[in-house]
Amino acid sequence: HYLRGNFNRLSWLINPDTLEEDEGRMARLDKKYRVRIPYKTYKGYPLAEDELKLNWVIRLGDARYRIWGDECTLAVMAEMYNIRIVVEQQEGDGRRATKMGSHAVQVIIPYDVVPEACIPTIFLIYDLQRQHYDVVEKVKPR
């Protein structure tokens, strides 16, 4: 609900690359789950990116669709719970994804919080091979 309520401000975080594929896969489930979405797909009339994003946001709130979280959902969590989330992208062997350069580590904070604010921090590892987030329970100094 938070993401839908702040859609205009946060929609840019939603990855547009898989929206059309997701729409095709999930639209078949709408009737089964009795979920009403605002925009329907018709043959020959593709949906605009913002329409696809809004449909995705509505389905995101329903666990039956099994939508995995991404940067967008992490940003929403950071705002809702007023926390800092640090994500390190790692290769399958547990090493930082150095090919990504400075993008290997992301810091996500609520939009109205200054970076140096003292707020609780959660550390996550994003395994590039499995495309899965894991929580880091203990951080070792490097």
Protein backbone atom coordinates (compact mmCIF):
# COMPACT_ATOMS: atom_id res chain seq x y z
CA HIS A 1 0.00 0.00 0.00
CA TYR A 2 2.88 2.36 0.79
CA LEU A 3 4.39 1.96 -2.67
CA ARG A 4 1.03 2.51 -4.32
CA GLY A 5 0.40 5.62 -2.20
CA ASN A 6 3.80 7.04 -3.16
CA PHE A 7 3.79 5.74 -6.74
CA ASN A 8 4.63 9.07 -8.40
CA ARG A 9 7.75 9.49 -6.27
CA LEU A 10 8.97 5.87 -6.24
CA SER A 11 7.90 4.41 -9.60
CA TRP A 12 11.26 5.24 -11.21
CA LEU A 13 12.80 2.52 -9.01
CA ILE A 14 10.74 -0.24 -10.63
CA ASN A 15 12.81 -2.16 -13.17
CA PRO A 16 11.13 -1.72 -16.58
CA ASP A 17 13.12 -4.53 -18.24
CA THR A 18 10.84 -7.39 -17.20
CA LEU A 19 7.49 -5.62 -16.90
CA GLU A 20 6.03 -6.86 -20.20
CA GLU A 21 7.10 -10.43 -19.52
CA ASP A 22 5.74 -10.23 -15.95
CA GLU A 23 2.46 -8.77 -17.22
CA GLY A 24 1.93 -11.69 -19.59
CA ARG A 25 2.71 -14.23 -16.89
CA MET A 26 0.69 -12.61 -14.11
CA ALA A 27 -2.33 -11.40 -16.10
CA ARG A 28 -3.42 -15.03 -16.47
CA LEU A 29 -3.61 -15.30 -12.68
CA ASP A 30 -5.71 -12.16 -12.08
CA LYS A 31 -9.03 -13.91 -12.68
CA LYS A 32 -8.00 -16.97 -10.65
CA TYR A 33 -6.97 -14.81 -7.68
CA ARG A 34 -9.87 -12.36 -8.21
CA VAL A 35 -7.50 -9.40 -8.26
CA ARG A 36 -8.65 -6.23 -10.00
CA ILE A 37 -5.95 -4.34 -11.81
CA PRO A 38 -6.48 -0.94 -13.44
CA TYR A 39 -5.01 -1.68 -16.89
CA LYS A 40 -5.80 -4.67 -19.10
CA THR A 41 -3.65 -5.86 -21.99
CA TYR A 42 -5.32 -6.26 -25.38
CA LYS A 43 -3.75 -7.79 -28.47
CA GLY A 44 -2.16 -5.08 -30.57
CA TYR A 45 -2.48 -2.46 -27.81
CA PRO A 46 0.53 -2.62 -25.51
CA LEU A 47 0.37 -0.92 -22.14
CA ALA A 48 2.49 2.14 -21.38
CA GLU A 49 5.38 1.70 -18.95
CA ASP A 50 3.59 3.53 -16.10
CA GLU A 51 0.50 1.35 -16.62
CA LEU A 52 2.64 -1.80 -16.45
CA LYS A 53 4.33 -0.47 -13.30
CA LEU A 54 1.04 0.24 -11.55
CA ASN A 55 -0.27 -3.24 -12.39
CA TRP A 56 2.99 -4.69 -10.98
CA VAL A 57 2.66 -2.67 -7.76
CA ILE A 58 -0.89 -3.92 -7.19
CA ARG A 59 0.18 -7.54 -7.71
CA LEU A 60 3.25 -7.05 -5.51
CA GLY A 61 0.98 -6.74 -2.48
CA ASP A 62 -0.50 -10.19 -3.07
CA ALA A 63 1.80 -13.04 -1.97
CA ARG A 64 0.10 -15.49 -4.35
CA TYR A 65 1.89 -13.88 -7.31
CA ARG A 66 5.25 -14.66 -5.70
CA ILE A 67 6.95 -11.49 -6.86
CA TRP A 68 10.54 -11.25 -5.63
CA GLY A 69 11.72 -8.04 -4.04
CA ASP A 70 14.15 -5.71 -5.77
CA GLU A 71 15.62 -2.24 -5.22
CA CYS A 72 12.15 -0.74 -5.32
CA THR A 73 10.82 -2.88 -2.49
CA LEU A 74 14.02 -2.29 -0.50
CA ALA A 75 13.54 1.48 -0.84
CA VAL A 76 9.97 1.15 0.39
CA MET A 77 11.13 -0.93 3.37
CA ALA A 78 13.80 1.65 4.22
CA GLU A 79 11.18 4.40 4.28
CA MET A 80 8.48 2.44 6.10
CA TYR A 81 10.79 1.27 8.88
CA ASN A 82 13.19 4.25 8.86
CA ILE A 83 16.25 2.06 8.35
CA ARG A 84 19.40 2.09 6.22
CA ILE A 85 19.87 -0.94 3.96
CA VAL A 86 23.35 -1.74 2.66
CA VAL A 87 23.44 -4.25 -0.21
CA GLU A 88 26.65 -5.81 -1.52
CA GLN A 89 26.48 -7.58 -4.88
CA GLN A 90 28.51 -10.78 -4.77
CA GLU A 91 29.63 -13.46 -7.19
CA GLY A 92 28.68 -17.07 -6.49
CA ASP A 93 31.94 -17.63 -4.58
CA GLY A 94 31.12 -14.93 -2.01
CA ARG A 95 33.45 -12.22 -3.34
CA ARG A 96 32.29 -8.70 -4.15
CA ALA A 97 31.24 -8.30 -7.77
CA THR A 98 34.20 -6.14 -8.80
CA LYS A 99 33.04 -6.01 -12.43
CA MET A 100 30.24 -3.75 -11.24
CA GLY A 101 32.67 -1.19 -9.87
CA SER A 102 31.08 1.29 -7.48
CA HIS A 103 27.65 -0.28 -8.11
CA ALA A 104 28.70 -3.42 -6.22
CA VAL A 105 27.60 -1.74 -2.97
CA GLN A 106 24.33 0.13 -2.66
CA VAL A 107 23.15 2.15 0.32
CA ILE A 108 19.41 2.72 0.52
CA ILE A 109 18.04 5.25 3.00
CA PRO A 110 14.66 6.94 3.43
CA TYR A 111 14.34 9.93 1.09
CA ASP A 112 13.92 12.43 3.93
CA VAL A 113 16.95 11.25 5.96
CA VAL A 114 20.43 12.73 5.61
CA PRO A 115 23.13 10.13 4.79
CA GLU A 116 25.02 10.65 8.04
CA ALA A 117 21.92 10.14 10.23
CA CYS A 118 22.16 7.54 12.96
CA ILE A 119 19.44 5.03 12.06
CA PRO A 120 19.36 1.22 12.30
CA THR A 121 21.21 -0.53 9.47
CA ILE A 122 20.53 -3.88 7.83
CA PHE A 123 23.20 -5.52 5.68
CA LEU A 124 22.20 -7.70 2.73
CA ILE A 125 24.16 -9.70 0.20
CA TYR A 126 22.77 -10.02 -3.30
CA ASP A 127 24.05 -13.23 -4.87
CA LEU A 128 24.29 -12.49 -8.61
CA GLN A 129 24.36 -16.16 -9.54
CA ARG A 130 21.21 -17.13 -7.62
CA GLN A 131 19.63 -13.66 -7.92
CA HIS A 132 18.71 -13.86 -4.27
CA TYR A 133 19.10 -11.61 -1.19
CA ASP A 134 20.58 -12.96 2.04
CA VAL A 135 20.71 -11.14 5.38
CA VAL A 136 24.18 -10.65 6.86
CA GLU A 137 24.02 -11.52 10.54
CA LYS A 138 27.57 -10.54 11.44
CA VAL A 139 29.79 -8.04 9.63
CA LYS A 140 33.54 -8.66 9.72
CA PRO A 141 35.90 -5.68 9.34
CA ARG A 142 37.79 -5.64 6.03
